[in-house]
Amino acid sequence: MKSLWNRRVGLALGATLLSAALSMMAHAAGSFEAQKMWLSCENGREYPIHPLAVSREYDLVTGYLLTTGHGRGVHLRLIPMGSGYRYAGPGVWFDGLRGEAVLNWGRPDAVACHVMQE
């Protein structure tokens, strides 16, 4: 009788914890998907950023910089700096401090940008 009671309590507790975890994950995914980010650059172009992972402080950790209208992107990840930040991927990176950034394509023609988000 006691083992049946322990099993029921264990199942009820497990179901409650699972539902709470799934609810928190769904809420986090909803706010994560709703956030839109992009680089608005002085060359007149805007480069959307599709976040893959965001820290608890809502800082972008890794994502894709979409470079064409076909949804193709370059995978970027955060490289911690002493002051400011750098996101780097194959053949592209941008450095910045707060809302200002400089986009580099591996050529001498870097472009100044503003980091925008909704």
N, C-alpha and C. Protein backbone atom coordinates (compact mmCIF):
# COMPACT_ATOMS: atom_id res chain seq x y z
N MET A 1 0.81 -1.18 0.00
CA MET A 1 0.00 0.00 0.00
C MET A 1 0.86 1.26 0.00
N LYS A 2 1.92 1.23 0.85
CA LYS A 2 2.78 2.40 0.95
C LYS A 2 3.55 2.62 -0.36
N SER A 3 4.00 1.55 -1.02
CA SER A 3 4.75 1.71 -2.27
C SER A 3 3.84 2.24 -3.37
N LEU A 4 2.57 1.86 -3.37
CA LEU A 4 1.62 2.39 -4.35
C LEU A 4 1.42 3.88 -4.12
N TRP A 5 1.33 4.29 -2.86
CA TRP A 5 1.17 5.72 -2.52
C TRP A 5 2.41 6.50 -2.97
N ASN A 6 3.61 5.97 -2.71
CA ASN A 6 4.85 6.64 -3.11
C ASN A 6 4.94 6.77 -4.63
N ARG A 7 4.50 5.75 -5.34
CA ARG A 7 4.54 5.78 -6.79
C ARG A 7 3.59 6.86 -7.32
N ARG A 8 2.39 6.95 -6.75
CA ARG A 8 1.42 7.97 -7.20
C ARG A 8 1.94 9.38 -6.92
N VAL A 9 2.49 9.57 -5.74
CA VAL A 9 3.04 10.88 -5.39
C VAL A 9 4.19 11.23 -6.33
N GLY A 10 5.04 10.27 -6.59
CA GLY A 10 6.16 10.49 -7.51
C GLY A 10 5.70 10.84 -8.91
N LEU A 11 4.70 10.12 -9.41
CA LEU A 11 4.17 10.42 -10.74
C LEU A 11 3.52 11.80 -10.79
N ALA A 12 2.76 12.14 -9.77
CA ALA A 12 2.11 13.45 -9.73
C ALA A 12 3.14 14.57 -9.67
N LEU A 13 4.17 14.40 -8.86
CA LEU A 13 5.22 15.40 -8.75
C LEU A 13 5.98 15.53 -10.07
N GLY A 14 6.30 14.41 -10.68
CA GLY A 14 6.99 14.41 -11.96
C GLY A 14 6.17 15.10 -13.05
N ALA A 15 4.87 14.81 -13.10
CA ALA A 15 4.00 15.44 -14.10
C ALA A 15 3.92 16.94 -13.88
N THR A 16 3.86 17.37 -12.61
CA THR A 16 3.80 18.80 -12.31
C THR A 16 5.08 19.49 -12.73
N LEU A 17 6.22 18.90 -12.40
CA LEU A 17 7.50 19.50 -12.77
C LEU A 17 7.68 19.54 -14.28
N LEU A 18 7.28 18.48 -14.98
CA LEU A 18 7.39 18.44 -16.43
C LEU A 18 6.52 19.51 -17.07
N SER A 19 5.29 19.66 -16.59
CA SER A 19 4.41 20.67 -17.18
C SER A 19 4.94 22.07 -16.91
N ALA A 20 5.51 22.31 -15.72
CA ALA A 20 6.09 23.62 -15.42
C ALA A 20 7.29 23.90 -16.32
N ALA A 21 8.14 22.90 -16.52
CA ALA A 21 9.31 23.07 -17.38
C ALA A 21 8.90 23.33 -18.82
N LEU A 22 7.93 22.59 -19.32
CA LEU A 22 7.46 22.80 -20.69
C LEU A 22 6.82 24.17 -20.85
N SER A 23 6.09 24.62 -19.85
CA SER A 23 5.47 25.94 -19.89
C SER A 23 6.52 27.03 -19.95
N MET A 24 7.58 26.90 -19.12
CA MET A 24 8.65 27.90 -19.13
C MET A 24 9.40 27.88 -20.45
N MET A 25 9.63 26.71 -21.03
CA MET A 25 10.31 26.62 -22.31
C MET A 25 9.46 27.25 -23.41
N ALA A 26 8.17 27.03 -23.39
CA ALA A 26 7.29 27.61 -24.41
C ALA A 26 7.25 29.12 -24.27
N HIS A 27 7.22 29.62 -23.04
CA HIS A 27 7.24 31.06 -22.83
C HIS A 27 8.55 31.66 -23.31
N ALA A 28 9.68 31.01 -22.99
CA ALA A 28 10.98 31.50 -23.42
C ALA A 28 11.09 31.46 -24.94
N ALA A 29 10.59 30.40 -25.56
CA ALA A 29 10.65 30.31 -27.02
C ALA A 29 9.80 31.38 -27.66
N GLY A 30 8.66 31.68 -27.07
CA GLY A 30 7.79 32.72 -27.62
C GLY A 30 8.45 34.08 -27.57
N SER A 31 9.08 34.45 -26.45
CA SER A 31 9.74 35.74 -26.36
C SER A 31 11.00 35.75 -27.21
N PHE A 32 11.66 34.60 -27.35
CA PHE A 32 12.87 34.48 -28.15
C PHE A 32 12.54 34.70 -29.63
N GLU A 33 11.45 34.09 -30.10
CA GLU A 33 11.07 34.22 -31.50
C GLU A 33 10.57 35.62 -31.81
N ALA A 34 9.97 36.29 -30.82
CA ALA A 34 9.39 37.60 -31.08
C ALA A 34 10.46 38.68 -31.24
N GLN A 35 11.65 38.46 -30.70
CA GLN A 35 12.68 39.47 -30.76
C GLN A 35 13.30 39.49 -32.15
N LYS A 36 13.27 40.67 -32.80
CA LYS A 36 13.88 40.82 -34.12
C LYS A 36 15.08 41.73 -33.99
N MET A 37 16.17 41.33 -34.64
CA MET A 37 17.40 42.10 -34.61
C MET A 37 17.93 42.25 -36.02
N TRP A 38 18.61 43.36 -36.28
CA TRP A 38 19.24 43.56 -37.57
C TRP A 38 20.31 44.62 -37.46
N LEU A 39 21.22 44.63 -38.44
CA LEU A 39 22.22 45.68 -38.56
C LEU A 39 21.74 46.63 -39.64
N SER A 40 21.61 47.89 -39.31
CA SER A 40 21.26 48.93 -40.27
C SER A 40 22.54 49.69 -40.57
N CYS A 41 23.08 49.52 -41.79
CA CYS A 41 24.42 50.00 -42.10
C CYS A 41 24.39 51.26 -42.97
N GLU A 42 25.52 51.97 -42.96
CA GLU A 42 25.65 53.22 -43.70
C GLU A 42 25.69 53.01 -45.21
N ASN A 43 25.88 51.77 -45.66
CA ASN A 43 25.85 51.52 -47.11
C ASN A 43 24.42 51.38 -47.62
N GLY A 44 23.43 51.65 -46.75
CA GLY A 44 22.03 51.60 -47.14
C GLY A 44 21.38 50.23 -47.04
N ARG A 45 22.11 49.24 -46.59
CA ARG A 45 21.56 47.88 -46.48
C ARG A 45 21.26 47.54 -45.04
N GLU A 46 20.33 46.63 -44.88
CA GLU A 46 20.01 46.08 -43.56
C GLU A 46 20.26 44.59 -43.59
N TYR A 47 20.93 44.09 -42.56
CA TYR A 47 21.28 42.68 -42.46
C TYR A 47 20.56 42.09 -41.25
N PRO A 48 19.51 41.29 -41.48
CA PRO A 48 18.79 40.67 -40.36
C PRO A 48 19.68 39.65 -39.64
N ILE A 49 19.45 39.55 -38.33
CA ILE A 49 20.16 38.58 -37.50
C ILE A 49 19.11 37.64 -36.92
N HIS A 50 19.28 36.36 -37.19
CA HIS A 50 18.36 35.35 -36.65
C HIS A 50 19.03 34.71 -35.45
N PRO A 51 18.59 35.04 -34.21
CA PRO A 51 19.24 34.50 -33.02
C PRO A 51 18.94 33.01 -32.84
N LEU A 52 19.97 32.27 -32.42
CA LEU A 52 19.80 30.85 -32.08
C LEU A 52 19.85 30.66 -30.57
N ALA A 53 20.71 31.41 -29.90
CA ALA A 53 20.82 31.31 -28.44
C ALA A 53 21.00 32.71 -27.87
N VAL A 54 20.28 32.94 -26.77
CA VAL A 54 20.32 34.23 -26.08
C VAL A 54 20.59 33.96 -24.61
N SER A 55 21.42 34.79 -23.99
CA SER A 55 21.74 34.60 -22.57
C SER A 55 20.57 35.05 -21.69
N ARG A 56 20.70 34.82 -20.41
CA ARG A 56 19.66 35.25 -19.47
C ARG A 56 19.51 36.77 -19.45
N GLU A 57 20.56 37.48 -19.81
CA GLU A 57 20.52 38.94 -19.87
C GLU A 57 20.05 39.43 -21.23
N TYR A 58 19.55 38.53 -22.08
CA TYR A 58 19.06 38.81 -23.42
C TYR A 58 20.15 39.30 -24.36
N ASP A 59 21.37 38.85 -24.15
CA ASP A 59 22.45 39.13 -25.08
C ASP A 59 22.54 37.98 -26.08
N LEU A 60 22.74 38.32 -27.34
CA LEU A 60 22.89 37.32 -28.38
C LEU A 60 24.17 36.52 -28.13
N VAL A 61 24.08 35.20 -28.16
CA VAL A 61 25.24 34.35 -27.98
C VAL A 61 25.67 33.76 -29.32
N THR A 62 24.72 33.27 -30.09
CA THR A 62 25.01 32.73 -31.40
C THR A 62 23.78 32.90 -32.29
N GLY A 63 24.01 32.98 -33.59
CA GLY A 63 22.90 33.16 -34.53
C GLY A 63 23.40 33.21 -35.96
N TYR A 64 22.52 33.63 -36.85
CA TYR A 64 22.85 33.74 -38.26
C TYR A 64 22.69 35.18 -38.71
N LEU A 65 23.67 35.69 -39.44
CA LEU A 65 23.58 36.98 -40.11
C LEU A 65 23.11 36.68 -41.52
N LEU A 66 21.88 37.09 -41.84
CA LEU A 66 21.31 36.79 -43.14
C LEU A 66 21.85 37.80 -44.15
N THR A 67 22.52 37.30 -45.17
CA THR A 67 23.23 38.17 -46.10
C THR A 67 22.57 38.28 -47.46
N THR A 68 21.60 37.44 -47.77
CA THR A 68 20.92 37.51 -49.06
C THR A 68 19.42 37.46 -48.82
N GLY A 69 18.65 37.75 -49.84
CA GLY A 69 17.21 37.70 -49.73
C GLY A 69 16.65 36.29 -49.75
N HIS A 70 17.49 35.29 -49.88
CA HIS A 70 17.04 33.90 -49.97
C HIS A 70 17.08 33.18 -48.64
N GLY A 71 17.31 33.91 -47.54
CA GLY A 71 17.34 33.28 -46.23
C GLY A 71 18.65 32.60 -45.90
N ARG A 72 19.65 32.74 -46.76
CA ARG A 72 20.95 32.15 -46.46
C ARG A 72 21.66 33.05 -45.46
N GLY A 73 22.44 32.42 -44.62
CA GLY A 73 23.12 33.21 -43.61
C GLY A 73 24.47 32.66 -43.24
N VAL A 74 25.19 33.47 -42.50
CA VAL A 74 26.51 33.10 -42.00
C VAL A 74 26.36 32.90 -40.50
N HIS A 75 26.81 31.74 -40.01
CA HIS A 75 26.72 31.46 -38.59
C HIS A 75 27.73 32.32 -37.83
N LEU A 76 27.23 33.06 -36.82
CA LEU A 76 28.07 33.91 -35.99
C LEU A 76 28.02 33.43 -34.56
N ARG A 77 29.10 33.67 -33.83
CA ARG A 77 29.06 33.42 -32.40
C ARG A 77 29.83 34.51 -31.69
N LEU A 78 29.43 34.74 -30.44
CA LEU A 78 30.02 35.79 -29.62
C LEU A 78 31.43 35.43 -29.21
N ILE A 79 32.34 36.40 -29.37
CA ILE A 79 33.70 36.28 -28.87
C ILE A 79 33.86 37.38 -27.83
N PRO A 80 33.95 37.04 -26.55
CA PRO A 80 34.06 38.08 -25.52
C PRO A 80 35.31 38.93 -25.71
N MET A 81 35.14 40.23 -25.54
CA MET A 81 36.24 41.18 -25.67
C MET A 81 36.37 41.90 -24.33
N GLY A 82 37.46 42.65 -24.16
CA GLY A 82 37.64 43.40 -22.93
C GLY A 82 36.54 44.44 -22.75
N SER A 83 36.31 45.23 -23.77
CA SER A 83 35.20 46.18 -23.76
C SER A 83 34.51 46.05 -25.11
N GLY A 84 33.22 45.96 -25.10
CA GLY A 84 32.49 45.76 -26.34
C GLY A 84 32.30 44.30 -26.65
N TYR A 85 32.07 44.02 -27.92
CA TYR A 85 31.79 42.65 -28.33
C TYR A 85 32.29 42.41 -29.75
N ARG A 86 32.40 41.16 -30.10
CA ARG A 86 32.70 40.74 -31.47
C ARG A 86 31.89 39.49 -31.75
N TYR A 87 31.20 39.49 -32.89
CA TYR A 87 30.52 38.31 -33.40
C TYR A 87 31.23 37.95 -34.68
N ALA A 88 31.68 36.71 -34.77
CA ALA A 88 32.48 36.31 -35.92
C ALA A 88 31.95 35.01 -36.52
N GLY A 89 32.11 34.92 -37.83
CA GLY A 89 31.75 33.73 -38.58
C GLY A 89 32.70 33.61 -39.75
N PRO A 90 32.51 32.62 -40.63
CA PRO A 90 33.40 32.44 -41.76
C PRO A 90 33.35 33.65 -42.71
N GLY A 91 34.44 34.40 -42.75
CA GLY A 91 34.57 35.51 -43.69
C GLY A 91 33.87 36.79 -43.30
N VAL A 92 33.26 36.86 -42.13
CA VAL A 92 32.56 38.07 -41.71
C VAL A 92 32.62 38.20 -40.19
N TRP A 93 32.69 39.42 -39.71
CA TRP A 93 32.61 39.68 -38.28
C TRP A 93 32.15 41.12 -38.08
N PHE A 94 31.58 41.37 -36.91
CA PHE A 94 31.31 42.76 -36.55
C PHE A 94 31.66 43.00 -35.10
N ASP A 95 32.29 44.15 -34.89
CA ASP A 95 32.72 44.59 -33.57
C ASP A 95 31.87 45.75 -33.16
N GLY A 96 31.67 45.91 -31.87
CA GLY A 96 30.89 47.06 -31.45
C GLY A 96 30.89 47.28 -29.96
N LEU A 97 30.19 48.35 -29.60
CA LEU A 97 29.98 48.72 -28.23
C LEU A 97 28.56 49.25 -28.15
N ARG A 98 27.72 48.59 -27.38
CA ARG A 98 26.30 48.89 -27.24
C ARG A 98 25.60 48.82 -28.59
N GLY A 99 25.00 49.91 -29.06
CA GLY A 99 24.22 49.88 -30.30
C GLY A 99 25.00 50.21 -31.55
N GLU A 100 26.28 50.45 -31.44
CA GLU A 100 27.11 50.78 -32.60
C GLU A 100 27.99 49.59 -32.96
N ALA A 101 28.18 49.36 -34.25
CA ALA A 101 29.00 48.23 -34.70
C ALA A 101 29.69 48.57 -36.00
N VAL A 102 30.74 47.85 -36.31
CA VAL A 102 31.45 47.97 -37.58
C VAL A 102 31.46 46.59 -38.21
N LEU A 103 30.84 46.48 -39.38
CA LEU A 103 30.73 45.21 -40.10
C LEU A 103 31.92 45.05 -41.03
N ASN A 104 32.62 43.92 -40.93
CA ASN A 104 33.81 43.63 -41.74
C ASN A 104 33.57 42.37 -42.56
N TRP A 105 33.89 42.44 -43.83
CA TRP A 105 33.75 41.29 -44.72
C TRP A 105 35.10 40.70 -45.09
N GLY A 106 36.14 41.04 -44.33
CA GLY A 106 37.48 40.53 -44.62
C GLY A 106 38.19 41.35 -45.67
N ARG A 107 37.64 42.49 -46.00
CA ARG A 107 38.24 43.43 -46.94
C ARG A 107 38.49 44.73 -46.21
N PRO A 108 39.22 45.64 -46.82
CA PRO A 108 39.48 46.90 -46.13
C PRO A 108 38.26 47.83 -46.04
N ASP A 109 37.18 47.50 -46.68
CA ASP A 109 36.02 48.40 -46.71
C ASP A 109 35.00 48.03 -45.64
N ALA A 110 35.32 48.34 -44.38
CA ALA A 110 34.40 48.08 -43.27
C ALA A 110 33.26 49.09 -43.32
N VAL A 111 32.10 48.69 -42.83
CA VAL A 111 30.90 49.53 -42.88
C VAL A 111 30.41 49.78 -41.46
N ALA A 112 30.15 51.04 -41.15
CA ALA A 112 29.59 51.38 -39.84
C ALA A 112 28.10 51.04 -39.83
N CYS A 113 27.62 50.48 -38.72
CA CYS A 113 26.23 50.04 -38.60
C CYS A 113 25.67 50.39 -37.23
N HIS A 114 24.35 50.37 -37.15
CA HIS A 114 23.65 50.47 -35.88
C HIS A 114 22.94 49.14 -35.65
N VAL A 115 23.03 48.64 -34.42
CA VAL A 115 22.33 47.40 -34.06
C VAL A 115 20.91 47.80 -33.67
N MET A 116 19.92 47.27 -34.39
CA MET A 116 18.53 47.61 -34.15
C MET A 116 17.81 46.37 -33.64
N GLN A 117 16.82 46.58 -32.77
CA GLN A 117 15.99 45.47 -32.33
C GLN A 117 14.65 46.01 -31.87
N GLU A 118 13.64 45.15 -31.98
CA GLU A 118 12.29 45.53 -31.58
C GLU A 118 12.07 45.16 -30.14
